[in-house]
Amino acid sequence: MYANSTVPHSAQTGIHERLAELVDRHVREPFRKPILDYNRAAFEQGMAAWGGALPLILDTGCGTGASSVGLALRYPESFVIGVDQSADRLATEKGALPANLCLVRADLVDFWRLLAERQVRLARHYLFYPNPWPKIGHLSRRWHGHAVFPVLPTLGGIIECRSNWPIYVEEFAFALGRVLGREVSWEDFVPDEPVSPFERKYRDSGQALYRCVVDLG
């Protein structure tokens, strides 16, 4: 059935008790895992398609690319790069893509670090419905619990994370605020126009949706 999506189930009832410790450690000890060659090649593909002339929007974990297409149409004066690690998911987006869009298969951990290495500044940065990894023991698999997380604020622009699990967005705001040294808010919201089929399904299933939006300047 279509509108039958469920909210992630977890024994966790609030911000993980180890999140502050984990974020602080990742700020002190930068992630130094070697970047793989295929990710460097994918990054160069994306940079070549962009060309540097237009404001850059990054759609991270874009899945099929449906959200990336929506962003490209919504912001025709910008260029959108949608990144996902699954070639199969990316291959499901049929038809001609907007001229201001490039879909790239890459590991986001490396792609983010390459953007920072190249000192690329984003206009907008979206994390739409990441895998929430709701089990208590999976904190380090959530983006805000990963060692790469302190790189994200250095990319600038307006960063936005959305989820149908409130704890994920609450934690994202907490972790981002801890890196920035200031309070970061989050909220529930109703999208005027769903950004992807996933968001539409969550909305039509009667779920509340949540987001954290921060202008990093």
N, C-alpha and C. Protein backbone atom coordinates (compact mmCIF):
# COMPACT_ATOMS: atom_id res chain seq x y z
N MET A 1 0.84 -1.20 0.00
CA MET A 1 0.00 0.00 0.00
C MET A 1 0.87 1.25 0.00
N TYR A 2 0.29 2.37 -0.45
CA TYR A 2 1.09 3.59 -0.62
C TYR A 2 1.34 4.31 0.70
N ALA A 3 0.30 4.82 1.34
CA ALA A 3 0.49 5.67 2.53
C ALA A 3 0.52 4.83 3.80
N ASN A 4 1.50 3.94 3.87
CA ASN A 4 1.59 3.04 5.02
C ASN A 4 2.97 3.08 5.66
N SER A 5 3.71 4.19 5.47
CA SER A 5 5.05 4.30 6.02
C SER A 5 4.99 4.45 7.53
N THR A 6 5.99 3.92 8.23
CA THR A 6 6.03 4.00 9.69
C THR A 6 7.22 4.83 10.15
N VAL A 7 7.10 5.43 11.32
CA VAL A 7 8.19 6.20 11.91
C VAL A 7 9.22 5.22 12.46
N PRO A 8 10.52 5.50 12.31
CA PRO A 8 11.54 4.61 12.87
C PRO A 8 11.30 4.34 14.35
N HIS A 9 11.40 3.08 14.74
CA HIS A 9 11.19 2.69 16.13
C HIS A 9 12.53 2.60 16.84
N SER A 10 12.57 3.15 18.05
CA SER A 10 13.82 3.12 18.81
C SER A 10 13.52 3.12 20.29
N ALA A 11 14.42 2.48 21.05
CA ALA A 11 14.33 2.54 22.51
C ALA A 11 14.86 3.88 23.02
N GLN A 12 15.48 4.64 22.13
CA GLN A 12 16.04 5.94 22.50
C GLN A 12 14.91 6.96 22.58
N THR A 13 14.89 7.77 23.65
CA THR A 13 13.79 8.71 23.87
C THR A 13 14.22 10.17 23.80
N GLY A 14 15.49 10.44 23.61
CA GLY A 14 16.00 11.80 23.53
C GLY A 14 17.39 11.79 22.94
N ILE A 15 18.08 12.92 23.02
CA ILE A 15 19.45 13.00 22.50
C ILE A 15 20.33 11.94 23.17
N HIS A 16 21.09 11.23 22.37
CA HIS A 16 21.94 10.16 22.88
C HIS A 16 22.92 10.72 23.91
N GLU A 17 23.08 9.99 24.99
CA GLU A 17 23.91 10.47 26.10
C GLU A 17 25.39 10.60 25.72
N ARG A 18 25.80 9.94 24.64
CA ARG A 18 27.21 10.01 24.23
C ARG A 18 27.46 10.98 23.07
N LEU A 19 26.41 11.65 22.60
CA LEU A 19 26.58 12.47 21.40
C LEU A 19 27.56 13.63 21.63
N ALA A 20 27.43 14.34 22.73
CA ALA A 20 28.33 15.47 23.00
C ALA A 20 29.79 15.01 23.03
N GLU A 21 30.04 13.93 23.72
CA GLU A 21 31.40 13.37 23.81
C GLU A 21 31.94 12.99 22.43
N LEU A 22 31.08 12.39 21.63
CA LEU A 22 31.48 11.94 20.30
C LEU A 22 31.79 13.13 19.38
N VAL A 23 30.92 14.13 19.38
CA VAL A 23 31.15 15.31 18.54
C VAL A 23 32.43 16.02 18.95
N ASP A 24 32.64 16.19 20.24
CA ASP A 24 33.84 16.87 20.73
C ASP A 24 35.11 16.13 20.30
N ARG A 25 35.06 14.82 20.35
CA ARG A 25 36.22 14.03 19.93
C ARG A 25 36.49 14.19 18.44
N HIS A 26 35.43 14.22 17.66
CA HIS A 26 35.60 14.37 16.21
C HIS A 26 36.11 15.77 15.84
N VAL A 27 35.75 16.77 16.63
CA VAL A 27 36.29 18.11 16.40
C VAL A 27 37.79 18.13 16.73
N ARG A 28 38.18 17.47 17.80
CA ARG A 28 39.59 17.44 18.21
C ARG A 28 40.45 16.59 17.29
N GLU A 29 39.87 15.52 16.77
CA GLU A 29 40.64 14.54 16.00
C GLU A 29 40.04 14.41 14.59
N PRO A 30 40.47 15.24 13.64
CA PRO A 30 39.90 15.22 12.28
C PRO A 30 40.00 13.84 11.64
N PHE A 31 39.03 13.55 10.81
CA PHE A 31 38.94 12.27 10.11
C PHE A 31 40.00 12.22 9.00
N ARG A 32 40.87 11.25 9.03
CA ARG A 32 42.00 11.22 8.11
C ARG A 32 42.07 9.95 7.26
N LYS A 33 40.98 9.22 7.16
CA LYS A 33 40.98 8.03 6.32
C LYS A 33 41.29 8.42 4.88
N PRO A 34 42.18 7.67 4.19
CA PRO A 34 42.53 8.00 2.80
C PRO A 34 41.30 8.06 1.89
N ILE A 35 41.29 9.03 1.00
CA ILE A 35 40.20 9.18 0.04
C ILE A 35 40.43 8.24 -1.13
N LEU A 36 39.40 7.50 -1.50
CA LEU A 36 39.54 6.50 -2.56
C LEU A 36 39.54 7.15 -3.94
N ASP A 37 40.25 6.52 -4.87
CA ASP A 37 40.40 7.09 -6.21
C ASP A 37 39.07 7.24 -6.93
N TYR A 38 38.16 6.28 -6.76
CA TYR A 38 36.89 6.38 -7.50
C TYR A 38 36.08 7.58 -7.01
N ASN A 39 36.24 7.94 -5.74
CA ASN A 39 35.55 9.12 -5.23
C ASN A 39 36.19 10.40 -5.74
N ARG A 40 37.50 10.39 -5.91
CA ARG A 40 38.16 11.56 -6.51
C ARG A 40 37.69 11.75 -7.95
N ALA A 41 37.56 10.64 -8.67
CA ALA A 41 37.10 10.73 -10.06
C ALA A 41 35.67 11.24 -10.12
N ALA A 42 34.82 10.75 -9.21
CA ALA A 42 33.42 11.20 -9.18
C ALA A 42 33.34 12.68 -8.82
N PHE A 43 34.20 13.10 -7.90
CA PHE A 43 34.23 14.51 -7.51
C PHE A 43 34.62 15.39 -8.70
N GLU A 44 35.64 14.98 -9.43
CA GLU A 44 36.06 15.76 -10.59
C GLU A 44 34.96 15.81 -11.65
N GLN A 45 34.22 14.72 -11.77
CA GLN A 45 33.08 14.69 -12.70
C GLN A 45 32.06 15.76 -12.31
N GLY A 46 31.75 15.81 -11.02
CA GLY A 46 30.79 16.80 -10.54
C GLY A 46 31.29 18.22 -10.71
N MET A 47 32.57 18.45 -10.40
CA MET A 47 33.14 19.79 -10.53
C MET A 47 33.16 20.25 -11.99
N ALA A 48 33.47 19.32 -12.90
CA ALA A 48 33.51 19.67 -14.32
C ALA A 48 32.12 20.02 -14.83
N ALA A 49 31.11 19.28 -14.38
CA ALA A 49 29.74 19.56 -14.81
C ALA A 49 29.28 20.92 -14.28
N TRP A 50 29.66 21.23 -13.06
CA TRP A 50 29.28 22.51 -12.44
C TRP A 50 29.96 23.68 -13.13
N GLY A 51 31.26 23.61 -13.24
CA GLY A 51 32.03 24.66 -13.90
C GLY A 51 32.34 25.87 -13.06
N GLY A 52 31.67 26.03 -11.92
CA GLY A 52 32.00 27.11 -11.01
C GLY A 52 31.28 28.42 -11.23
N ALA A 53 30.46 28.52 -12.27
CA ALA A 53 29.83 29.81 -12.60
C ALA A 53 28.58 30.09 -11.76
N LEU A 54 27.83 29.05 -11.43
CA LEU A 54 26.57 29.23 -10.72
C LEU A 54 26.70 28.87 -9.24
N PRO A 55 25.83 29.41 -8.38
CA PRO A 55 25.79 28.94 -6.99
C PRO A 55 25.57 27.43 -6.97
N LEU A 56 26.22 26.77 -6.04
CA LEU A 56 26.19 25.30 -6.01
C LEU A 56 25.31 24.79 -4.89
N ILE A 57 24.42 23.86 -5.24
CA ILE A 57 23.56 23.18 -4.28
C ILE A 57 23.96 21.71 -4.24
N LEU A 58 24.11 21.16 -3.03
CA LEU A 58 24.47 19.75 -2.87
C LEU A 58 23.30 19.00 -2.24
N ASP A 59 22.85 17.95 -2.92
CA ASP A 59 21.79 17.07 -2.43
C ASP A 59 22.45 15.77 -2.02
N THR A 60 22.66 15.59 -0.73
CA THR A 60 23.44 14.46 -0.25
C THR A 60 22.56 13.25 0.04
N GLY A 61 23.02 12.08 -0.39
CA GLY A 61 22.23 10.88 -0.24
C GLY A 61 20.94 11.01 -1.03
N CYS A 62 21.06 11.40 -2.30
CA CYS A 62 19.90 11.79 -3.11
C CYS A 62 19.06 10.60 -3.57
N GLY A 63 19.52 9.38 -3.32
CA GLY A 63 18.72 8.21 -3.71
C GLY A 63 18.54 8.12 -5.21
N THR A 64 17.31 8.12 -5.66
CA THR A 64 17.02 8.02 -7.09
C THR A 64 17.33 9.30 -7.85
N GLY A 65 17.53 10.39 -7.12
CA GLY A 65 17.76 11.68 -7.75
C GLY A 65 16.50 12.50 -7.93
N ALA A 66 15.36 11.98 -7.46
CA ALA A 66 14.09 12.71 -7.61
C ALA A 66 14.15 14.05 -6.88
N SER A 67 14.72 14.05 -5.69
CA SER A 67 14.83 15.31 -4.94
C SER A 67 15.77 16.28 -5.64
N SER A 68 16.83 15.75 -6.26
CA SER A 68 17.78 16.60 -6.98
C SER A 68 17.11 17.27 -8.17
N VAL A 69 16.29 16.51 -8.90
CA VAL A 69 15.55 17.08 -10.02
C VAL A 69 14.64 18.20 -9.52
N GLY A 70 13.94 17.95 -8.41
CA GLY A 70 13.07 18.96 -7.84
C GLY A 70 13.82 20.22 -7.45
N LEU A 71 15.00 20.07 -6.88
CA LEU A 71 15.81 21.23 -6.49
C LEU A 71 16.30 22.00 -7.72
N ALA A 72 16.70 21.27 -8.75
CA ALA A 72 17.18 21.93 -9.97
C ALA A 72 16.07 22.76 -10.62
N LEU A 73 14.85 22.25 -10.57
CA LEU A 73 13.73 22.99 -11.13
C LEU A 73 13.33 24.17 -10.23
N ARG A 74 13.48 23.99 -8.93
CA ARG A 74 13.11 25.04 -7.98
C ARG A 74 14.13 26.19 -8.00
N TYR A 75 15.39 25.85 -8.25
CA TYR A 75 16.45 26.87 -8.23
C TYR A 75 17.18 26.88 -9.58
N PRO A 76 16.52 27.35 -10.64
CA PRO A 76 17.12 27.32 -11.97
C PRO A 76 18.36 28.20 -12.11
N GLU A 77 18.56 29.14 -11.17
CA GLU A 77 19.72 30.02 -11.23
C GLU A 77 20.93 29.40 -10.54
N SER A 78 20.78 28.19 -10.01
CA SER A 78 21.86 27.47 -9.34
C SER A 78 22.16 26.17 -10.06
N PHE A 79 23.26 25.52 -9.66
CA PHE A 79 23.60 24.20 -10.19
C PHE A 79 23.51 23.21 -9.04
N VAL A 80 22.89 22.05 -9.32
CA VAL A 80 22.67 21.03 -8.30
C VAL A 80 23.52 19.80 -8.60
N ILE A 81 24.23 19.32 -7.58
CA ILE A 81 24.90 18.02 -7.66
C ILE A 81 24.21 17.11 -6.66
N GLY A 82 23.66 16.00 -7.17
CA GLY A 82 23.07 14.99 -6.32
C GLY A 82 24.05 13.84 -6.17
N VAL A 83 24.32 13.44 -4.94
CA VAL A 83 25.32 12.39 -4.67
C VAL A 83 24.67 11.23 -3.93
N ASP A 84 24.90 10.03 -4.42
CA ASP A 84 24.46 8.83 -3.73
C ASP A 84 25.48 7.73 -3.99
N GLN A 85 25.59 6.80 -3.06
CA GLN A 85 26.58 5.72 -3.22
C GLN A 85 26.06 4.55 -4.03
N SER A 86 24.76 4.55 -4.35
CA SER A 86 24.16 3.42 -5.06
C SER A 86 23.94 3.74 -6.53
N ALA A 87 24.65 3.03 -7.39
CA ALA A 87 24.44 3.19 -8.83
C ALA A 87 23.05 2.72 -9.23
N ASP A 88 22.54 1.69 -8.57
CA ASP A 88 21.21 1.17 -8.89
C ASP A 88 20.13 2.21 -8.60
N ARG A 89 20.24 2.89 -7.45
CA ARG A 89 19.24 3.92 -7.14
C ARG A 89 19.31 5.07 -8.14
N LEU A 90 20.52 5.51 -8.44
CA LEU A 90 20.66 6.62 -9.38
C LEU A 90 20.14 6.26 -10.76
N ALA A 91 20.24 5.00 -11.14
CA ALA A 91 19.82 4.57 -12.48
C ALA A 91 18.30 4.56 -12.64
N THR A 92 17.56 4.69 -11.54
CA THR A 92 16.09 4.65 -11.65
C THR A 92 15.50 5.98 -12.12
N GLU A 93 16.29 7.05 -12.10
CA GLU A 93 15.79 8.35 -12.57
C GLU A 93 15.84 8.36 -14.10
N LYS A 94 14.68 8.27 -14.72
CA LYS A 94 14.59 8.16 -16.18
C LYS A 94 14.34 9.53 -16.82
N GLY A 95 14.65 9.59 -18.08
CA GLY A 95 14.39 10.82 -18.82
C GLY A 95 15.55 11.80 -18.73
N ALA A 96 15.44 12.87 -19.48
CA ALA A 96 16.49 13.89 -19.52
C ALA A 96 16.51 14.67 -18.21
N LEU A 97 17.69 14.91 -17.71
CA LEU A 97 17.85 15.68 -16.49
C LEU A 97 17.89 17.17 -16.81
N PRO A 98 17.47 18.03 -15.88
CA PRO A 98 17.62 19.46 -16.11
C PRO A 98 19.08 19.81 -16.40
N ALA A 99 19.29 20.84 -17.19
CA ALA A 99 20.65 21.21 -17.59
C ALA A 99 21.51 21.64 -16.42
N ASN A 100 20.88 22.06 -15.32
CA ASN A 100 21.62 22.53 -14.15
C ASN A 100 21.72 21.47 -13.06
N LEU A 101 21.79 20.20 -13.50
CA LEU A 101 21.86 19.08 -12.55
C LEU A 101 22.85 18.03 -13.03
N CYS A 102 23.61 17.50 -12.07
CA CYS A 102 24.51 16.36 -12.31
C CYS A 102 24.32 15.37 -11.18
N LEU A 103 24.09 14.10 -11.50
CA LEU A 103 24.00 13.04 -10.51
C LEU A 103 25.30 12.28 -10.49
N VAL A 104 25.83 12.05 -9.29
CA VAL A 104 27.16 11.46 -9.14
C VAL A 104 27.10 10.29 -8.16
N ARG A 105 27.72 9.20 -8.54
CA ARG A 105 27.86 8.07 -7.61
C ARG A 105 29.16 8.22 -6.84
N ALA A 106 29.06 8.39 -5.53
CA ALA A 106 30.26 8.56 -4.70
C ALA A 106 29.90 8.32 -3.24
N ASP A 107 30.93 8.08 -2.45
CA ASP A 107 30.79 7.99 -1.00
C ASP A 107 30.79 9.41 -0.46
N LEU A 108 29.74 9.79 0.26
CA LEU A 108 29.62 11.16 0.75
C LEU A 108 30.75 11.55 1.69
N VAL A 109 31.26 10.61 2.46
CA VAL A 109 32.35 10.91 3.39
C VAL A 109 33.54 11.49 2.64
N ASP A 110 33.87 10.90 1.51
CA ASP A 110 34.97 11.41 0.69
C ASP A 110 34.56 12.66 -0.08
N PHE A 111 33.33 12.68 -0.59
CA PHE A 111 32.88 13.82 -1.39
C PHE A 111 32.88 15.09 -0.56
N TRP A 112 32.39 15.03 0.67
CA TRP A 112 32.40 16.19 1.56
C TRP A 112 33.83 16.68 1.81
N ARG A 113 34.74 15.73 2.08
CA ARG A 113 36.11 16.12 2.38
C ARG A 113 36.81 16.73 1.16
N LEU A 114 36.47 16.24 -0.02
CA LEU A 114 37.05 16.81 -1.23
C LEU A 114 36.52 18.22 -1.48
N LEU A 115 35.25 18.47 -1.19
CA LEU A 115 34.73 19.83 -1.29
C LEU A 115 35.50 20.77 -0.36
N ALA A 116 35.73 20.30 0.86
CA ALA A 116 36.46 21.13 1.83
C ALA A 116 37.91 21.33 1.39
N GLU A 117 38.52 20.28 0.86
CA GLU A 117 39.91 20.35 0.39
C GLU A 117 40.05 21.35 -0.74
N ARG A 118 39.05 21.40 -1.61
CA ARG A 118 39.05 22.31 -2.75
C ARG A 118 38.52 23.70 -2.35
N GLN A 119 38.08 23.83 -1.11
CA GLN A 119 37.52 25.09 -0.59
C GLN A 119 36.30 25.55 -1.39
N VAL A 120 35.47 24.59 -1.76
CA VAL A 120 34.21 24.89 -2.45
C VAL A 120 33.19 25.33 -1.41
N ARG A 121 32.53 26.44 -1.67
CA ARG A 121 31.49 26.94 -0.78
C ARG A 121 30.13 26.68 -1.41
N LEU A 122 29.25 26.07 -0.64
CA LEU A 122 27.92 25.74 -1.13
C LEU A 122 26.96 26.90 -0.89
N ALA A 123 25.98 27.03 -1.78
CA ALA A 123 24.88 27.96 -1.56
C ALA A 123 23.82 27.31 -0.66
N ARG A 124 23.56 26.03 -0.92
CA ARG A 124 22.60 25.25 -0.14
C ARG A 124 23.09 23.81 -0.04
N HIS A 125 22.76 23.18 1.07
CA HIS A 125 23.22 21.82 1.34
C HIS A 125 22.08 21.06 2.00
N TYR A 126 21.61 20.01 1.35
CA TYR A 126 20.44 19.28 1.83
C TYR A 126 20.78 17.85 2.23
N LEU A 127 20.24 17.45 3.37
CA LEU A 127 20.30 16.06 3.83
C LEU A 127 18.86 15.63 4.07
N PHE A 128 18.25 15.09 3.04
CA PHE A 128 16.84 14.72 3.11
C PHE A 128 16.69 13.27 3.57
N TYR A 129 16.12 13.09 4.75
CA TYR A 129 15.75 11.78 5.26
C TYR A 129 16.90 10.76 5.20
N PRO A 130 18.01 11.09 5.86
CA PRO A 130 19.10 10.11 5.91
C PRO A 130 18.66 8.85 6.65
N ASN A 131 19.34 7.75 6.40
CA ASN A 131 19.09 6.53 7.18
C ASN A 131 19.23 6.90 8.66
N PRO A 132 18.17 6.75 9.47
CA PRO A 132 18.24 7.25 10.84
C PRO A 132 19.04 6.37 11.80
N TRP A 133 19.31 5.13 11.40
CA TRP A 133 20.02 4.21 12.30
C TRP A 133 19.47 4.36 13.72
N PRO A 134 18.22 3.98 13.96
CA PRO A 134 17.55 4.30 15.23
C PRO A 134 17.99 3.48 16.45
N LYS A 135 18.72 2.38 16.24
CA LYS A 135 19.16 1.61 17.40
C LYS A 135 20.15 2.43 18.22
N ILE A 136 20.06 2.33 19.53
CA ILE A 136 20.90 3.12 20.42
C ILE A 136 22.38 2.90 20.12
N GLY A 137 22.75 1.69 19.78
CA GLY A 137 24.16 1.38 19.52
C GLY A 137 24.66 1.85 18.17
N HIS A 138 23.80 2.47 17.37
CA HIS A 138 24.18 2.88 16.02
C HIS A 138 24.46 4.38 15.91
N LEU A 139 24.70 5.05 17.03
CA LEU A 139 24.90 6.50 17.02
C LEU A 139 25.97 6.93 16.02
N SER A 140 27.09 6.24 15.98
CA SER A 140 28.20 6.66 15.12
C SER A 140 27.90 6.48 13.64
N ARG A 141 26.80 5.79 13.31
CA ARG A 141 26.42 5.62 11.91
C ARG A 141 25.53 6.77 11.42
N ARG A 142 24.97 7.53 12.35
CA ARG A 142 24.20 8.71 11.97
C ARG A 142 25.19 9.79 11.54
N TRP A 143 24.80 10.64 10.59
CA TRP A 143 25.77 11.62 10.07
C TRP A 143 26.33 12.51 11.16
N HIS A 144 25.52 12.93 12.10
CA HIS A 144 26.02 13.81 13.15
C HIS A 144 26.88 13.07 14.17
N GLY A 145 26.87 11.74 14.13
CA GLY A 145 27.74 10.96 15.01
C GLY A 145 28.98 10.45 14.31
N HIS A 146 29.08 10.72 13.02
CA HIS A 146 30.22 10.24 12.21
C HIS A 146 31.40 11.20 12.35
N ALA A 147 32.59 10.66 12.19
CA ALA A 147 33.80 11.47 12.34
C ALA A 147 33.91 12.57 11.29
N VAL A 148 33.20 12.44 10.18
CA VAL A 148 33.27 13.45 9.12
C VAL A 148 32.41 14.68 9.43
N PHE A 149 31.54 14.58 10.40
CA PHE A 149 30.54 15.64 10.61
C PHE A 149 31.11 17.05 10.75
N PRO A 150 32.22 17.28 11.46
CA PRO A 150 32.72 18.65 11.56
C PRO A 150 33.10 19.30 10.23
N VAL A 151 33.24 18.50 9.18
CA VAL A 151 33.54 19.06 7.86
C VAL A 151 32.33 19.81 7.29
N LEU A 152 31.12 19.35 7.60
CA LEU A 152 29.91 19.89 6.97
C LEU A 152 29.76 21.40 7.17
N PRO A 153 29.93 21.93 8.40
CA PRO A 153 29.76 23.38 8.56
C PRO A 153 30.77 24.21 7.79
N THR A 154 31.93 23.64 7.47
CA THR A 154 32.95 24.40 6.74
C THR A 154 32.56 24.64 5.29
N LEU A 155 31.55 23.92 4.81
CA LEU A 155 31.13 24.07 3.41
C LEU A 155 30.22 25.26 3.19
N GLY A 156 29.71 25.84 4.29
CA GLY A 156 28.94 27.07 4.21
C GLY A 156 27.54 26.88 3.65
N GLY A 157 26.92 28.02 3.33
CA GLY A 157 25.59 28.01 2.75
C GLY A 157 24.49 27.74 3.76
N ILE A 158 23.32 27.45 3.25
CA ILE A 158 22.17 27.08 4.09
C ILE A 158 22.10 25.57 4.13
N ILE A 159 22.27 25.00 5.31
CA ILE A 159 22.23 23.54 5.45
C ILE A 159 20.88 23.15 6.04
N GLU A 160 20.29 22.12 5.48
CA GLU A 160 18.97 21.68 5.94
C GLU A 160 18.92 20.16 6.02
N CYS A 161 18.51 19.67 7.18
CA CYS A 161 18.32 18.23 7.40
C CYS A 161 16.84 17.99 7.69
N ARG A 162 16.26 17.00 7.03
CA ARG A 162 14.86 16.63 7.27
C ARG A 162 14.78 15.16 7.65
N SER A 163 13.82 14.85 8.52
CA SER A 163 13.60 13.46 8.92
C SER A 163 12.18 13.30 9.42
N ASN A 164 11.69 12.06 9.40
CA ASN A 164 10.41 11.76 10.03
C ASN A 164 10.62 11.18 11.43
N TRP A 165 11.87 11.17 11.90
CA TRP A 165 12.19 10.75 13.27
C TRP A 165 12.70 11.97 14.03
N PRO A 166 11.93 12.54 14.95
CA PRO A 166 12.32 13.80 15.59
C PRO A 166 13.66 13.76 16.30
N ILE A 167 14.02 12.62 16.87
CA ILE A 167 15.28 12.52 17.59
C ILE A 167 16.46 12.76 16.65
N TYR A 168 16.34 12.30 15.40
CA TYR A 168 17.43 12.50 14.46
C TYR A 168 17.68 13.99 14.23
N VAL A 169 16.61 14.74 14.01
CA VAL A 169 16.77 16.18 13.75
C VAL A 169 17.20 16.91 15.01
N GLU A 170 16.68 16.51 16.15
CA GLU A 170 17.10 17.12 17.42
C GLU A 170 18.59 16.90 17.64
N GLU A 171 19.06 15.69 17.39
CA GLU A 171 20.48 15.40 17.54
C GLU A 171 21.33 16.17 16.52
N PHE A 172 20.83 16.25 15.28
CA PHE A 172 21.57 16.98 14.25
C PHE A 172 21.75 18.43 14.67
N ALA A 173 20.68 19.06 15.16
CA ALA A 173 20.75 20.45 15.61
C ALA A 173 21.71 20.59 16.78
N PHE A 174 21.65 19.66 17.71
CA PHE A 174 22.53 19.70 18.87
C PHE A 174 23.99 19.58 18.45
N ALA A 175 24.27 18.62 17.58
CA ALA A 175 25.66 18.39 17.14
C ALA A 175 26.18 19.57 16.33
N LEU A 176 25.34 20.12 15.44
CA LEU A 176 25.76 21.27 14.64
C LEU A 176 26.02 22.47 15.54
N GLY A 177 25.15 22.67 16.52
CA GLY A 177 25.35 23.76 17.46
C GLY A 177 26.61 23.60 18.28
N ARG A 178 26.94 22.37 18.60
CA ARG A 178 28.15 22.12 19.39
C ARG A 178 29.40 22.44 18.58
N VAL A 179 29.39 22.11 17.29
CA VAL A 179 30.52 22.43 16.42
C VAL A 179 30.63 23.94 16.22
N LEU A 180 29.49 24.61 16.05
CA LEU A 180 29.48 26.04 15.78
C LEU A 180 29.66 26.89 17.03
N GLY A 181 29.40 26.31 18.19
CA GLY A 181 29.50 27.07 19.42
C GLY A 181 28.32 27.99 19.68
N ARG A 182 27.16 27.60 19.16
CA ARG A 182 25.95 28.39 19.39
C ARG A 182 24.73 27.49 19.31
N GLU A 183 23.62 27.97 19.83
CA GLU A 183 22.41 27.17 19.83
C GLU A 183 21.81 27.10 18.43
N VAL A 184 21.37 25.92 18.07
CA VAL A 184 20.74 25.70 16.77
C VAL A 184 19.35 25.11 17.01
N SER A 185 18.36 25.66 16.36
CA SER A 185 16.98 25.22 16.58
C SER A 185 16.54 24.20 15.53
N TRP A 186 15.43 23.56 15.79
CA TRP A 186 14.81 22.63 14.85
C TRP A 186 13.30 22.74 15.03
N GLU A 187 12.54 22.18 14.11
CA GLU A 187 11.09 22.37 14.15
C GLU A 187 10.38 21.27 13.39
N ASP A 188 9.08 21.15 13.67
CA ASP A 188 8.23 20.33 12.80
C ASP A 188 7.73 21.23 11.69
N PHE A 189 7.37 20.66 10.56
CA PHE A 189 6.93 21.46 9.44
C PHE A 189 6.04 20.64 8.51
N VAL A 190 5.30 21.34 7.66
CA VAL A 190 4.49 20.70 6.62
C VAL A 190 4.98 21.25 5.29
N PRO A 191 5.53 20.41 4.41
CA PRO A 191 6.06 20.91 3.14
C PRO A 191 4.96 21.43 2.22
N ASP A 192 5.21 22.59 1.61
CA ASP A 192 4.26 23.10 0.63
C ASP A 192 4.15 22.14 -0.56
N GLU A 193 5.31 21.66 -0.97
CA GLU A 193 5.39 20.69 -2.07
C GLU A 193 6.44 19.66 -1.68
N PRO A 194 6.07 18.39 -1.51
CA PRO A 194 7.05 17.38 -1.11
C PRO A 194 8.25 17.36 -2.04
N VAL A 195 9.43 17.25 -1.44
CA VAL A 195 10.67 17.33 -2.21
C VAL A 195 10.99 16.03 -2.92
N SER A 196 10.35 14.95 -2.52
CA SER A 196 10.64 13.64 -3.11
C SER A 196 9.45 12.71 -2.86
N PRO A 197 9.41 11.58 -3.57
CA PRO A 197 8.35 10.60 -3.30
C PRO A 197 8.36 10.12 -1.85
N PHE A 198 9.56 10.02 -1.23
CA PHE A 198 9.65 9.59 0.16
C PHE A 198 8.92 10.58 1.06
N GLU A 199 9.19 11.87 0.85
CA GLU A 199 8.55 12.88 1.70
C GLU A 199 7.04 12.87 1.51
N ARG A 200 6.60 12.70 0.27
CA ARG A 200 5.17 12.64 0.00
C ARG A 200 4.54 11.44 0.71
N LYS A 201 5.23 10.31 0.69
CA LYS A 201 4.70 9.11 1.33
C LYS A 201 4.62 9.30 2.84
N TYR A 202 5.65 9.90 3.44
CA TYR A 202 5.62 10.13 4.88
C TYR A 202 4.47 11.06 5.24
N ARG A 203 4.32 12.14 4.46
CA ARG A 203 3.24 13.09 4.72
C ARG A 203 1.88 12.42 4.58
N ASP A 204 1.71 11.66 3.50
CA ASP A 204 0.42 11.04 3.24
C ASP A 204 0.13 9.89 4.20
N SER A 205 1.14 9.42 4.90
CA SER A 205 0.94 8.40 5.93
C SER A 205 0.53 9.02 7.26
N GLY A 206 0.40 10.34 7.27
CA GLY A 206 -0.03 11.04 8.48
C GLY A 206 1.07 11.31 9.46
N GLN A 207 2.32 11.21 9.02
CA GLN A 207 3.44 11.43 9.92
C GLN A 207 3.79 12.91 10.03
N ALA A 208 4.27 13.30 11.21
CA ALA A 208 4.85 14.62 11.37
C ALA A 208 6.25 14.59 10.77
N LEU A 209 6.66 15.69 10.16
CA LEU A 209 7.99 15.81 9.57
C LEU A 209 8.75 16.90 10.31
N TYR A 210 10.09 16.76 10.34
CA TYR A 210 10.93 17.65 11.14
C TYR A 210 12.11 18.12 10.31
N ARG A 211 12.60 19.31 10.64
CA ARG A 211 13.75 19.84 9.92
C ARG A 211 14.59 20.74 10.82
N CYS A 212 15.85 20.84 10.44
CA CYS A 212 16.79 21.79 11.03
C CYS A 212 17.37 22.59 9.86
N VAL A 213 17.24 23.90 9.90
CA VAL A 213 17.72 24.77 8.83
C VAL A 213 18.63 25.82 9.45
N VAL A 214 19.87 25.91 8.96
CA VAL A 214 20.83 26.85 9.52
C VAL A 214 21.57 27.54 8.38
N ASP A 215 21.64 28.87 8.43
CA ASP A 215 22.43 29.64 7.48
C ASP A 215 23.85 29.76 8.04
N LEU A 216 24.77 29.07 7.39
CA LEU A 216 26.16 29.03 7.86
C LEU A 216 26.97 30.23 7.38
N GLY A 217 26.34 31.07 6.55
CA GLY A 217 27.03 32.28 6.12
C GLY A 217 28.10 32.02 5.09
